[in-house]
């Protein structure tokens, strides 16, 4: 999904490219709640395509990033959106980010076409810039607003171990 110059990438580093799958977190505060994003940035590398279901299985949201200066990147992003719609959770919030908005003079993807695609597919679309962080936070806020509100879960042990009470009697075995 995201490219090495994705808006996600700006969260953990300003100038390094993603050459592997990176895990990072981002917290967004809304008026009535706080949303913690746990992010797998695969940099859109084809070598991760077969592993992609592992990354998006059970995901509440997915951001598919394309480069506005590269029409092939946009075509690839549409392929990822179809994959998510076909194999992801039916309630997943999908956002498409047109990255490198700072390079508008080199644009090859028409924003009207990208917006129309997003509208036809019921997904969020926003143009971003990892270089100057333009719209990166806004993208996460918009996704957070679209997530279903979770009910508060009681605190519990991750792996409760069945401990016997001291006053329990053992009759057998």
Protein backbone atom coordinates (compact mmCIF):
# COMPACT_ATOMS: atom_id res chain seq x y z
CA UNK A 1 0.00 0.00 0.00
CA UNK A 2 1.92 3.13 0.96
CA UNK A 3 4.87 4.23 -1.14
CA UNK A 4 8.28 5.05 0.24
CA UNK A 5 7.27 8.70 0.06
CA UNK A 6 3.89 8.07 1.64
CA UNK A 7 2.32 10.42 4.16
CA UNK A 8 2.66 7.58 6.66
CA UNK A 9 6.37 7.64 6.15
CA UNK A 10 6.62 11.22 7.40
CA UNK A 11 5.41 10.10 10.82
CA UNK A 12 8.54 8.11 11.57
CA UNK A 13 11.20 9.79 9.49
CA UNK A 14 11.54 12.87 7.34
CA UNK A 15 13.98 11.79 4.67
CA UNK A 16 14.65 8.07 4.74
CA UNK A 17 12.91 5.79 2.25
CA UNK A 18 11.09 2.70 3.43
CA UNK A 19 12.87 -0.38 2.10
CA UNK A 20 11.12 -2.90 4.31
CA UNK A 21 7.78 -3.15 6.06
CA UNK A 22 7.83 -0.63 8.88
CA UNK A 23 5.57 -0.66 11.93
CA UNK A 24 4.67 2.62 13.57
CA UNK A 25 1.89 4.20 15.59
CA UNK A 26 -0.01 7.47 15.36
CA UNK A 27 -2.51 8.80 17.89
CA UNK A 28 -5.31 11.15 16.89
CA UNK A 29 -7.43 13.03 19.44
CA UNK A 30 -11.01 13.76 18.42
CA UNK A 31 -13.51 15.76 20.46
CA UNK A 32 -15.02 12.67 22.07
CA UNK A 33 -12.33 10.02 21.77
CA UNK A 34 -8.71 9.18 21.04
CA UNK A 35 -7.79 6.81 18.23
CA UNK A 36 -4.49 4.97 18.18
CA UNK A 37 -3.46 3.84 14.71
CA UNK A 38 -1.12 0.86 14.44
CA UNK A 39 0.41 1.18 10.99
CA UNK A 40 2.20 -1.27 8.71
CA UNK A 41 3.93 0.65 5.94
CA UNK A 42 4.92 -1.83 3.23
CA UNK A 43 6.02 0.92 0.84
CA UNK A 44 3.87 -0.67 -1.86
CA UNK A 45 6.67 -3.06 -2.68
CA UNK A 46 5.57 -5.97 -4.82
CA UNK A 47 7.54 -8.41 -2.66
CA UNK A 48 4.98 -7.78 0.11
CA UNK A 49 1.93 -8.36 -2.09
CA UNK A 50 1.57 -12.03 -1.09
CA UNK A 51 1.87 -11.02 2.58
CA UNK A 52 -0.61 -8.15 2.30
CA UNK A 53 -3.60 -10.09 3.71
CA UNK A 54 -1.62 -10.59 6.90
CA UNK A 55 -1.24 -6.82 7.22
CA UNK A 56 -4.85 -5.83 6.53
CA UNK A 57 -6.70 -8.80 8.08
CA UNK A 58 -8.82 -7.37 10.88
CA UNK A 59 -7.78 -3.81 10.06
CA UNK A 60 -10.31 -1.08 10.80
CA UNK A 61 -8.74 1.21 8.18
CA UNK A 62 -6.34 1.15 5.26
CA UNK A 63 -4.54 3.93 3.44
CA UNK A 64 -3.58 3.27 -0.16
CA UNK A 65 -1.02 5.77 -1.40
CA UNK A 66 -0.18 6.77 -4.95
CA UNK A 67 2.22 9.30 -6.44
CA UNK A 68 0.39 12.17 -8.21
CA UNK A 69 3.32 12.44 -10.65
CA UNK A 70 3.00 8.81 -11.77
CA UNK A 71 -0.15 7.44 -13.49
CA UNK A 72 1.10 3.85 -13.08
CA UNK A 73 1.18 4.45 -9.33
CA UNK A 74 -2.47 5.54 -9.45
CA UNK A 75 -3.38 2.40 -11.41
CA UNK A 76 -1.57 0.29 -8.84
CA UNK A 77 -3.40 2.06 -6.00
CA UNK A 78 -6.73 1.23 -7.64
CA UNK A 79 -5.64 -2.41 -7.75
CA UNK A 80 -4.94 -2.30 -3.99
CA UNK A 81 -8.35 -0.73 -3.34
CA UNK A 82 -10.04 -3.56 -5.26
CA UNK A 83 -7.99 -6.08 -3.26
CA UNK A 84 -9.09 -4.51 0.02
CA UNK A 85 -12.72 -4.36 -1.06
CA UNK A 86 -12.63 -7.98 -2.19
CA UNK A 87 -10.62 -9.56 0.63
CA UNK A 88 -10.61 -7.08 3.52
CA UNK A 89 -13.17 -6.62 6.27
CA UNK A 90 -16.46 -5.35 4.85
CA UNK A 91 -16.46 -2.39 7.28
CA UNK A 92 -12.87 -1.30 6.69
CA UNK A 93 -12.43 2.44 6.15
CA UNK A 94 -10.38 2.86 2.99
CA UNK A 95 -8.55 6.09 2.24
CA UNK A 96 -6.62 6.87 -0.91
CA UNK A 97 -3.82 9.40 -0.53
CA UNK A 98 -2.41 11.18 -3.57
CA UNK A 99 1.10 11.88 -2.34
CA UNK A 100 3.70 14.40 -3.54
CA UNK A 101 1.15 17.22 -3.65
CA UNK A 102 4.15 19.54 -3.27
CA UNK A 103 5.08 18.60 -6.86
CA UNK A 104 1.89 19.93 -8.44
CA UNK A 105 3.82 21.23 -11.46
CA UNK A 106 4.84 17.64 -12.30
CA UNK A 107 1.33 16.23 -11.75
CA UNK A 108 0.23 13.43 -14.07
CA UNK A 109 -2.87 12.24 -12.16
CA UNK A 110 -5.92 14.49 -12.54
CA UNK A 111 -7.37 15.25 -9.09
CA UNK A 112 -10.90 15.23 -10.54
CA UNK A 113 -10.32 11.66 -11.79
CA UNK A 114 -8.99 10.56 -8.39
CA UNK A 115 -11.90 12.22 -6.56
CA UNK A 116 -14.41 10.61 -8.93
CA UNK A 117 -12.81 7.20 -8.41
CA UNK A 118 -12.96 7.64 -4.64
CA UNK A 119 -16.60 8.71 -4.74
CA UNK A 120 -17.57 5.79 -7.01
CA UNK A 121 -15.90 3.37 -4.60
CA UNK A 122 -17.11 4.93 -1.37
CA UNK A 123 -13.62 5.72 -0.10
CA UNK A 124 -11.93 8.80 1.27
CA UNK A 125 -9.50 10.67 -1.00
CA UNK A 126 -7.05 13.35 0.00
CA UNK A 127 -3.87 14.71 -1.52
CA UNK A 128 -0.87 14.83 0.81
CA UNK A 129 2.81 15.66 0.91
CA UNK A 130 5.20 13.58 2.96
CA UNK A 131 7.88 16.17 2.26
CA UNK A 132 6.11 19.04 3.99
CA UNK A 133 3.49 17.03 5.98
CA UNK A 134 0.63 18.78 4.17
CA UNK A 135 -2.71 17.06 4.94
CA UNK A 136 -1.06 14.11 6.69
CA UNK A 137 -2.66 14.77 10.07
CA UNK A 138 -5.93 15.75 8.36
CA UNK A 139 -5.98 12.38 6.61
CA UNK A 140 -5.72 10.52 9.91
CA UNK A 141 -8.35 12.74 11.53
CA UNK A 142 -10.81 12.09 8.67
CA UNK A 143 -10.22 8.34 8.91
CA UNK A 144 -10.65 8.44 12.69
CA UNK A 145 -13.99 10.25 12.29
CA UNK A 146 -15.24 7.49 9.98
CA UNK A 147 -14.28 4.60 12.25
CA UNK A 148 -17.14 3.00 14.15
CA UNK A 149 -17.14 3.95 17.81
CA UNK A 150 -15.87 1.03 19.88
CA UNK A 151 -17.43 0.19 23.20
CA UNK A 152 -15.13 0.39 26.19
CA UNK A 153 -13.66 -3.03 26.89
CA UNK A 154 -12.88 -3.99 30.48
CA UNK A 155 -9.21 -4.38 31.33
CA UNK A 156 -8.20 -8.01 31.40
CA UNK A 157 -5.12 -10.12 31.13
CA UNK A 158 -4.06 -10.85 27.58
CA UNK A 159 -3.61 -14.55 28.35
CA UNK A 160 -5.40 -15.36 31.61
CA UNK A 161 -3.84 -18.35 33.25
CA UNK A 162 -6.17 -20.61 35.20
CA UNK A 163 -4.80 -20.32 38.72
CA UNK A 164 -6.31 -22.61 41.31
CA UNK A 165 -7.57 -21.00 44.49
CA UNK A 166 -5.75 -22.02 47.66
CA UNK A 167 -8.94 -23.11 49.32
CA UNK A 168 -9.96 -25.35 46.43
CA UNK A 169 -9.76 -28.99 47.28
CA UNK A 170 -8.33 -31.51 44.90
CA UNK A 171 -10.25 -34.74 44.97
CA UNK A 172 -8.50 -36.38 42.14
CA UNK A 173 -5.67 -35.97 39.69
